[in-house]
Amino acid sequence: MNAKRLVAWNVRRLRVEKGLTQEALALSADVDMSHLANLEIERANPTVELLELIANALGSHISELFRPFPEDAKKPGPLKKGRKPTSISRS
């Protein structure tokens, strides 16, 4: 199995299991949200340091990011019913 695919799958799986948006995980891990998004769609190659930051933010051991998944498994779905809109006051 492709390591980039394995990491992408597990980051998304753990993030969705924890009920975190990409934005919330990126903020918690102190990483750029677009880089995290690219990691989840297999467009970025993560460093070991990045994987450690993400694993810590997810409350998981880094080895969880390399956990195999069945070939016929479906991609982890989106979070339930999106984000609440943020109100911005205009003067």
C-alpha atoms as a PDB file:
ATOM      1  CA  MET A   1       0.000   0.000   0.000  1.00  0.00           C
ATOM      2  CA  ASN A   2       1.100   3.540  -0.792  1.00  0.00           C
ATOM      3  CA  ALA A   3       2.373   5.341   2.367  1.00  0.00           C
ATOM      4  CA  LYS A   4       0.935   8.706   1.296  1.00  0.00           C
ATOM      5  CA  ARG A   5      -2.498   7.118   0.838  1.00  0.00           C
ATOM      6  CA  LEU A   6      -2.242   5.334   4.176  1.00  0.00           C
ATOM      7  CA  VAL A   7      -1.421   8.533   6.072  1.00  0.00           C
ATOM      8  CA  ALA A   8      -4.116  10.523   4.240  1.00  0.00           C
ATOM      9  CA  TRP A   9      -6.715   7.866   5.039  1.00  0.00           C
ATOM     10  CA  ASN A  10      -5.815   7.683   8.716  1.00  0.00           C
ATOM     11  CA  VAL A  11      -5.583  11.432   9.278  1.00  0.00           C
ATOM     12  CA  ARG A  12      -9.076  11.821   7.841  1.00  0.00           C
ATOM     13  CA  ARG A  13     -10.381   8.768   9.733  1.00  0.00           C
ATOM     14  CA  LEU A  14      -9.086   9.966  13.082  1.00  0.00           C
ATOM     15  CA  ARG A  15     -10.175  13.563  12.457  1.00  0.00           C
ATOM     16  CA  VAL A  16     -13.722  12.519  11.575  1.00  0.00           C
ATOM     17  CA  GLU A  17     -13.884  10.079  14.520  1.00  0.00           C
ATOM     18  CA  LYS A  18     -12.938  12.958  16.841  1.00  0.00           C
ATOM     19  CA  GLY A  19     -15.513  15.238  15.201  1.00  0.00           C
ATOM     20  CA  LEU A  20     -12.920  17.799  14.151  1.00  0.00           C
ATOM     21  CA  THR A  21     -13.015  19.974  11.072  1.00  0.00           C
ATOM     22  CA  GLN A  22      -9.835  20.406   9.060  1.00  0.00           C
ATOM     23  CA  GLU A  23      -9.707  23.948  10.389  1.00  0.00           C
ATOM     24  CA  ALA A  24      -9.947  22.825  14.022  1.00  0.00           C
ATOM     25  CA  LEU A  25      -7.284  20.152  13.581  1.00  0.00           C
ATOM     26  CA  ALA A  26      -4.955  22.543  11.757  1.00  0.00           C
ATOM     27  CA  LEU A  27      -5.352  25.118  14.517  1.00  0.00           C
ATOM     28  CA  SER A  28      -4.775  22.541  17.236  1.00  0.00           C
ATOM     29  CA  ALA A  29      -1.715  21.104  15.467  1.00  0.00           C
ATOM     30  CA  ASP A  30      -0.413  24.579  14.578  1.00  0.00           C
ATOM     31  CA  VAL A  31      -0.195  23.756  10.872  1.00  0.00           C
ATOM     32  CA  ASP A  32      -1.534  25.509   7.805  1.00  0.00           C
ATOM     33  CA  MET A  33      -5.062  24.359   6.965  1.00  0.00           C
ATOM     34  CA  SER A  34      -4.353  24.143   3.218  1.00  0.00           C
ATOM     35  CA  HIS A  35      -1.364  21.899   3.906  1.00  0.00           C
ATOM     36  CA  LEU A  36      -3.548  19.631   6.060  1.00  0.00           C
ATOM     37  CA  ALA A  37      -6.199  19.549   3.333  1.00  0.00           C
ATOM     38  CA  ASN A  38      -3.557  18.656   0.741  1.00  0.00           C
ATOM     39  CA  LEU A  39      -2.290  15.908   3.016  1.00  0.00           C
ATOM     40  CA  GLU A  40      -5.792  14.400   3.239  1.00  0.00           C
ATOM     41  CA  ILE A  41      -6.178  14.357  -0.544  1.00  0.00           C
ATOM     42  CA  GLU A  42      -2.694  12.919  -1.090  1.00  0.00           C
ATOM     43  CA  ARG A  43      -1.206  16.036  -2.665  1.00  0.00           C
ATOM     44  CA  ALA A  44       1.331  16.666   0.113  1.00  0.00           C
ATOM     45  CA  ASN A  45       4.191  14.607   1.467  1.00  0.00           C
ATOM     46  CA  PRO A  46       4.267  15.060   5.230  1.00  0.00           C
ATOM     47  CA  THR A  47       7.425  15.288   7.289  1.00  0.00           C
ATOM     48  CA  VAL A  48       7.843  13.232  10.437  1.00  0.00           C
ATOM     49  CA  GLU A  49       7.552  16.474  12.429  1.00  0.00           C
ATOM     50  CA  LEU A  50       4.221  17.278  10.780  1.00  0.00           C
ATOM     51  CA  LEU A  51       2.906  13.779  11.454  1.00  0.00           C
ATOM     52  CA  GLU A  52       3.921  14.116  15.090  1.00  0.00           C
ATOM     53  CA  LEU A  53       2.082  17.454  15.415  1.00  0.00           C
ATOM     54  CA  ILE A  54      -1.052  16.006  13.829  1.00  0.00           C
ATOM     55  CA  ALA A  55      -0.964  12.816  15.914  1.00  0.00           C
ATOM     56  CA  ASN A  56      -0.539  14.831  19.117  1.00  0.00           C
ATOM     57  CA  ALA A  57      -3.422  17.137  18.166  1.00  0.00           C
ATOM     58  CA  LEU A  58      -5.578  14.047  17.542  1.00  0.00           C
ATOM     59  CA  GLY A  59      -4.551  12.546  20.881  1.00  0.00           C
ATOM     60  CA  SER A  60      -3.115   9.530  19.062  1.00  0.00           C
ATOM     61  CA  HIS A  61       0.238   7.820  18.751  1.00  0.00           C
ATOM     62  CA  ILE A  62       2.004   8.539  15.463  1.00  0.00           C
ATOM     63  CA  SER A  63       1.771   4.822  14.609  1.00  0.00           C
ATOM     64  CA  GLU A  64      -2.024   5.240  14.235  1.00  0.00           C
ATOM     65  CA  LEU A  65      -1.338   7.256  11.087  1.00  0.00           C
ATOM     66  CA  PHE A  66       0.141   4.131   9.488  1.00  0.00           C
ATOM     67  CA  ARG A  67      -2.588   1.680  10.474  1.00  0.00           C
ATOM     68  CA  PRO A  68      -3.618  -0.489   7.502  1.00  0.00           C
ATOM     69  CA  PHE A  69      -7.180  -0.379   6.253  1.00  0.00           C
ATOM     70  CA  PRO A  70      -9.082  -2.902   4.141  1.00  0.00           C
ATOM     71  CA  GLU A  71      -8.762  -2.363   0.391  1.00  0.00           C
ATOM     72  CA  ASP A  72     -12.560  -2.393   0.033  1.00  0.00           C
ATOM     73  CA  ALA A  73     -13.127   0.108   2.868  1.00  0.00           C
ATOM     74  CA  LYS A  74     -15.046   3.266   2.062  1.00  0.00           C
ATOM     75  CA  LYS A  75     -13.391   6.641   2.559  1.00  0.00           C
ATOM     76  CA  PRO A  76     -14.330   8.174   5.929  1.00  0.00           C
ATOM     77  CA  GLY A  77     -17.369  10.380   5.376  1.00  0.00           C
ATOM     78  CA  PRO A  78     -17.801  14.058   6.165  1.00  0.00           C
ATOM     79  CA  LEU A  79     -18.722  15.387   9.577  1.00  0.00           C
ATOM     80  CA  LYS A  80     -22.412  15.543  10.405  1.00  0.00           C
ATOM     81  CA  LYS A  81     -24.176  18.717   9.274  1.00  0.00           C
ATOM     82  CA  GLY A  82     -21.289  21.079   8.621  1.00  0.00           C
ATOM     83  CA  ARG A  83     -20.161  24.132  10.477  1.00  0.00           C
ATOM     84  CA  LYS A  84     -22.262  26.859  12.005  1.00  0.00           C
ATOM     85  CA  PRO A  85     -21.965  30.198  10.245  1.00  0.00           C
ATOM     86  CA  THR A  86     -19.922  32.852  11.985  1.00  0.00           C
ATOM     87  CA  SER A  87     -21.716  36.156  12.366  1.00  0.00           C
ATOM     88  CA  ILE A  88     -19.721  39.189  11.421  1.00  0.00           C
ATOM     89  CA  SER A  89     -20.973  42.547  12.581  1.00  0.00           C
ATOM     90  CA  ARG A  90     -20.744  45.254   9.968  1.00  0.00           C
ATOM     91  CA  SER A  91     -20.496  48.866  10.989  1.00  0.00           C
END
